Amino acid sequence: MKEKIIQKATQLFLSIGFKSVTMDDLATEMAISKKTIYTHFSNKTELVRECTCSIMNTITDGIDSICAQNHNPIEEIYEIKRLVLSHLKDEKSSPQYQLQKYYPEINESLKELHFEKMMELTRRNLQRGIKQGLYRSSLDVEFIARLYFMCVHGTKDENLFLSEKFSKQFVTEEYLEYHLRGIVTEKGYLTLNKYIKEQHTNA
């Protein structure tokens, strides 16, 4: 039952928002009593923490699966982008904004885990790209990895990128292309353009 509660709560949190969903909403949606929920979770904060960890683990497992497929570094980073967007697809409720505002401690803890995973992933992607001649050999891998992390989080700022004006998918895709065009070699530029054209054709 605990896993079923986490699964349904996660779905509601991402589609409606961490603050907006109440324990009553969850109980009604699952056709169970609130007492049943509180048997497994002492309060809503604990439930939110479990759900965010579940989301993080699911995305991390998906990223590891993509990396194991040995795509070229440019394609790999686009595949990871697609995976993340598929898990955080509802842009109207701004679940990440609500998490940051109403559950700052959980948000900070999640951000630390995200930083560790993303730095590891980005370093490896940059090193492979340089080795394959797709990224410039003069890049400072540590600096670019940190800059990329900072900018990815910056694009989630609702005050800068209002969801009414910029969709999550638009912001993510535009920034990713901007990032890659700044680090690719001539060979990487051709690979990037070819990949973007193929994606537009298949869209």
Protein backbone atom coordinates (compact mmCIF):
# COMPACT_ATOMS: atom_id res chain seq x y z
CA MET A 1 0.00 0.00 0.00
CA LYS A 2 2.85 2.38 0.83
CA GLU A 3 4.24 2.15 -2.71
CA LYS A 4 0.78 2.68 -4.19
CA ILE A 5 0.36 5.82 -2.08
CA ILE A 6 3.76 7.13 -3.20
CA GLN A 7 2.93 6.41 -6.82
CA LYS A 8 -0.44 8.17 -6.74
CA ALA A 9 0.82 11.08 -4.63
CA THR A 10 3.74 11.61 -6.99
CA GLN A 11 1.38 11.72 -9.93
CA LEU A 12 -0.84 14.28 -8.21
CA PHE A 13 2.06 16.40 -6.96
CA LEU A 14 3.55 16.69 -10.45
CA SER A 15 0.24 17.42 -12.16
CA ILE A 16 -1.30 19.74 -9.57
CA GLY A 17 1.51 20.87 -7.28
CA PHE A 18 3.11 19.90 -3.96
CA LYS A 19 1.25 22.59 -2.00
CA SER A 20 -2.04 22.30 -3.88
CA VAL A 21 -2.62 18.60 -3.20
CA THR A 22 -4.00 17.86 0.27
CA MET A 23 -4.08 14.57 2.13
CA ASP A 24 -7.87 14.65 1.70
CA ASP A 25 -7.39 14.93 -2.08
CA LEU A 26 -5.07 11.94 -2.07
CA ALA A 27 -7.42 9.85 0.10
CA THR A 28 -10.37 10.68 -2.16
CA GLU A 29 -8.39 9.92 -5.31
CA MET A 30 -7.33 6.53 -3.96
CA ALA A 31 -10.69 5.75 -2.31
CA ILE A 32 -9.01 5.12 1.03
CA SER A 33 -9.15 6.85 4.41
CA LYS A 34 -6.66 9.46 5.57
CA LYS A 35 -5.96 7.13 8.49
CA THR A 36 -4.55 4.60 6.02
CA ILE A 37 -2.20 7.23 4.60
CA TYR A 38 -1.07 8.31 8.07
CA THR A 39 -0.33 4.68 8.92
CA HIS A 40 2.54 4.86 6.42
CA PHE A 41 3.44 8.58 6.61
CA SER A 42 3.39 10.63 9.79
CA ASN A 43 2.66 13.87 7.90
CA LYS A 44 2.53 15.41 4.44
CA THR A 45 6.15 16.59 4.58
CA GLU A 46 7.32 13.00 4.99
CA LEU A 47 5.17 11.97 2.04
CA VAL A 48 6.58 14.79 -0.11
CA ARG A 49 10.12 13.72 0.84
CA GLU A 50 9.42 10.10 -0.14
CA CYS A 51 7.83 11.15 -3.42
CA THR A 52 10.69 13.46 -4.43
CA CYS A 53 13.20 10.70 -3.66
CA SER A 54 11.13 8.33 -5.79
CA ILE A 55 11.14 10.82 -8.68
CA MET A 56 14.88 11.35 -8.34
CA ASN A 57 15.60 7.60 -8.28
CA THR A 58 13.40 6.97 -11.32
CA ILE A 59 15.09 9.73 -13.32
CA THR A 60 18.56 8.61 -12.18
CA ASP A 61 17.88 5.03 -13.24
CA GLY A 62 16.62 6.28 -16.60
CA ILE A 63 19.73 8.42 -17.11
CA ASP A 64 22.00 5.48 -16.26
CA SER A 65 20.12 3.40 -18.84
CA ILE A 66 20.62 6.08 -21.51
CA CYS A 67 24.34 6.40 -20.73
CA ALA A 68 24.74 2.63 -21.02
CA GLN A 69 23.52 2.82 -24.63
CA ASN A 70 26.73 4.63 -25.64
CA HIS A 71 25.16 7.37 -27.77
CA ASN A 72 27.49 10.10 -29.01
CA PRO A 73 27.72 12.84 -26.33
CA ILE A 74 25.44 15.28 -28.19
CA GLU A 75 22.70 12.72 -28.72
CA GLU A 76 23.10 11.48 -25.14
CA ILE A 77 22.42 14.90 -23.64
CA TYR A 78 19.30 15.32 -25.80
CA GLU A 79 18.02 11.89 -24.80
CA ILE A 80 18.49 12.78 -21.14
CA LYS A 81 16.63 16.05 -21.70
CA ARG A 82 13.74 14.14 -23.24
CA LEU A 83 13.63 11.73 -20.30
CA VAL A 84 13.58 14.51 -17.68
CA LEU A 85 10.85 16.42 -19.50
CA SER A 86 8.72 13.28 -19.70
CA HIS A 87 8.78 13.03 -15.90
CA LEU A 88 8.24 16.75 -15.28
CA LYS A 89 5.80 17.39 -18.08
CA ASP A 90 3.04 19.45 -16.46
CA GLU A 91 4.20 23.04 -16.70
CA LYS A 92 1.00 24.73 -15.48
CA SER A 93 1.22 23.69 -11.83
CA SER A 94 4.91 24.62 -11.41
CA PRO A 95 5.60 21.70 -9.02
CA GLN A 96 9.28 22.61 -8.70
CA TYR A 97 8.40 26.20 -7.76
CA GLN A 98 5.98 24.96 -5.08
CA LEU A 99 8.57 22.54 -3.74
CA GLN A 100 11.12 25.34 -3.46
CA LYS A 101 8.68 27.74 -1.79
CA TYR A 102 6.83 25.45 0.63
CA TYR A 103 9.34 22.67 1.25
CA PRO A 104 12.74 24.45 1.11
CA GLU A 105 14.62 21.84 3.17
CA ILE A 106 13.48 19.00 0.92
CA ASN A 107 14.26 21.13 -2.13
CA GLU A 108 17.80 21.84 -0.90
CA SER A 109 18.42 18.18 -0.12
CA LEU A 110 17.18 17.21 -3.56
CA LYS A 111 19.32 19.92 -5.15
CA GLU A 112 22.44 18.50 -3.46
CA LEU A 113 21.73 15.02 -4.80
CA HIS A 114 20.97 16.50 -8.22
CA PHE A 115 24.26 18.44 -8.16
CA GLU A 116 26.31 15.33 -7.42
CA LYS A 117 24.61 13.27 -10.14
CA MET A 118 24.59 16.04 -12.72
CA MET A 119 28.23 16.96 -12.17
CA GLU A 120 29.29 13.35 -12.58
CA LEU A 121 27.20 13.01 -15.74
CA THR A 122 28.25 16.33 -17.27
CA ARG A 123 31.96 15.78 -16.61
CA ARG A 124 31.79 12.41 -18.30
CA ASN A 125 29.80 13.80 -21.23
CA LEU A 126 32.28 16.67 -21.72
CA GLN A 127 35.31 14.38 -21.52
CA ARG A 128 33.82 11.98 -24.06
CA GLY A 129 32.88 14.87 -26.34
CA ILE A 130 36.42 16.26 -26.23
CA LYS A 131 37.91 12.82 -26.86
CA GLN A 132 35.64 12.29 -29.88
CA GLY A 133 36.43 15.73 -31.29
CA LEU A 134 32.86 16.99 -30.86
CA TYR A 135 33.67 19.48 -28.08
CA ARG A 136 36.56 21.95 -28.00
CA SER A 137 39.71 20.56 -26.37
CA SER A 138 40.38 23.91 -24.68
CA LEU A 139 37.29 23.60 -22.45
CA ASP A 140 37.77 23.64 -18.69
CA VAL A 141 35.59 20.63 -17.88
CA GLU A 142 35.03 21.51 -14.21
CA PHE A 143 34.05 25.10 -15.00
CA ILE A 144 31.68 24.18 -17.86
CA ALA A 145 30.04 21.43 -15.77
CA ARG A 146 29.33 23.87 -12.93
CA LEU A 147 28.16 26.57 -15.34
CA TYR A 148 25.80 24.09 -16.98
CA PHE A 149 24.36 23.05 -13.61
CA MET A 150 23.85 26.68 -12.57
CA CYS A 151 22.12 27.59 -15.83
CA VAL A 152 19.88 24.53 -15.87
CA HIS A 153 18.63 25.49 -12.41
CA GLY A 154 18.38 29.14 -13.42
CA THR A 155 16.00 28.31 -16.25
CA LYS A 156 13.57 26.90 -13.67
CA ASP A 157 13.16 30.33 -12.06
CA GLU A 158 9.48 31.20 -12.50
CA ASN A 159 10.21 34.91 -11.99
CA LEU A 160 12.56 34.95 -14.98
CA PHE A 161 10.80 32.46 -17.25
CA LEU A 162 7.07 32.87 -16.72
CA SER A 163 5.24 29.69 -17.70
CA GLU A 164 2.58 31.78 -19.48
CA LYS A 165 5.26 33.07 -21.83
CA PHE A 166 7.84 30.28 -21.98
CA SER A 167 6.90 26.61 -21.86
CA LYS A 168 9.20 24.27 -19.93
CA GLN A 169 10.00 22.39 -23.13
CA PHE A 170 10.87 25.59 -25.02
CA VAL A 171 13.20 26.86 -22.28
CA THR A 172 14.92 23.50 -21.89
CA GLU A 173 15.46 22.95 -25.62
CA GLU A 174 16.60 26.51 -26.33
CA TYR A 175 19.07 26.51 -23.46
CA LEU A 176 20.45 23.08 -24.39
CA GLU A 177 21.08 24.19 -27.97
CA TYR A 178 22.65 27.41 -26.68
CA HIS A 179 24.95 25.42 -24.36
CA LEU A 180 26.05 22.97 -27.05
CA ARG A 181 26.70 25.62 -29.70
CA GLY A 182 29.07 27.28 -27.25
CA ILE A 183 31.24 24.19 -26.73
CA VAL A 184 31.20 22.24 -30.01
CA THR A 185 33.97 22.02 -32.60
CA GLU A 186 33.26 22.27 -36.33
CA LYS A 187 32.71 18.52 -36.35
CA GLY A 188 30.40 18.84 -33.35
CA TYR A 189 28.52 21.70 -35.03
CA LEU A 190 27.72 19.47 -38.02
CA THR A 191 26.64 16.64 -35.71
CA LEU A 192 24.46 18.98 -33.67
CA ASN A 193 22.75 20.49 -36.71
CA LYS A 194 22.11 17.06 -38.18
CA TYR A 195 20.57 15.86 -34.93
CA ILE A 196 18.36 18.96 -34.57
CA LYS A 197 17.10 18.61 -38.16
CA GLU A 198 16.30 14.93 -37.60
CA GLN A 199 14.37 15.78 -34.45
CA HIS A 200 12.35 18.46 -36.23
CA THR A 201 11.61 16.02 -39.06
CA ASN A 202 10.39 13.37 -36.62
CA ALA A 203 8.40 15.82 -34.49
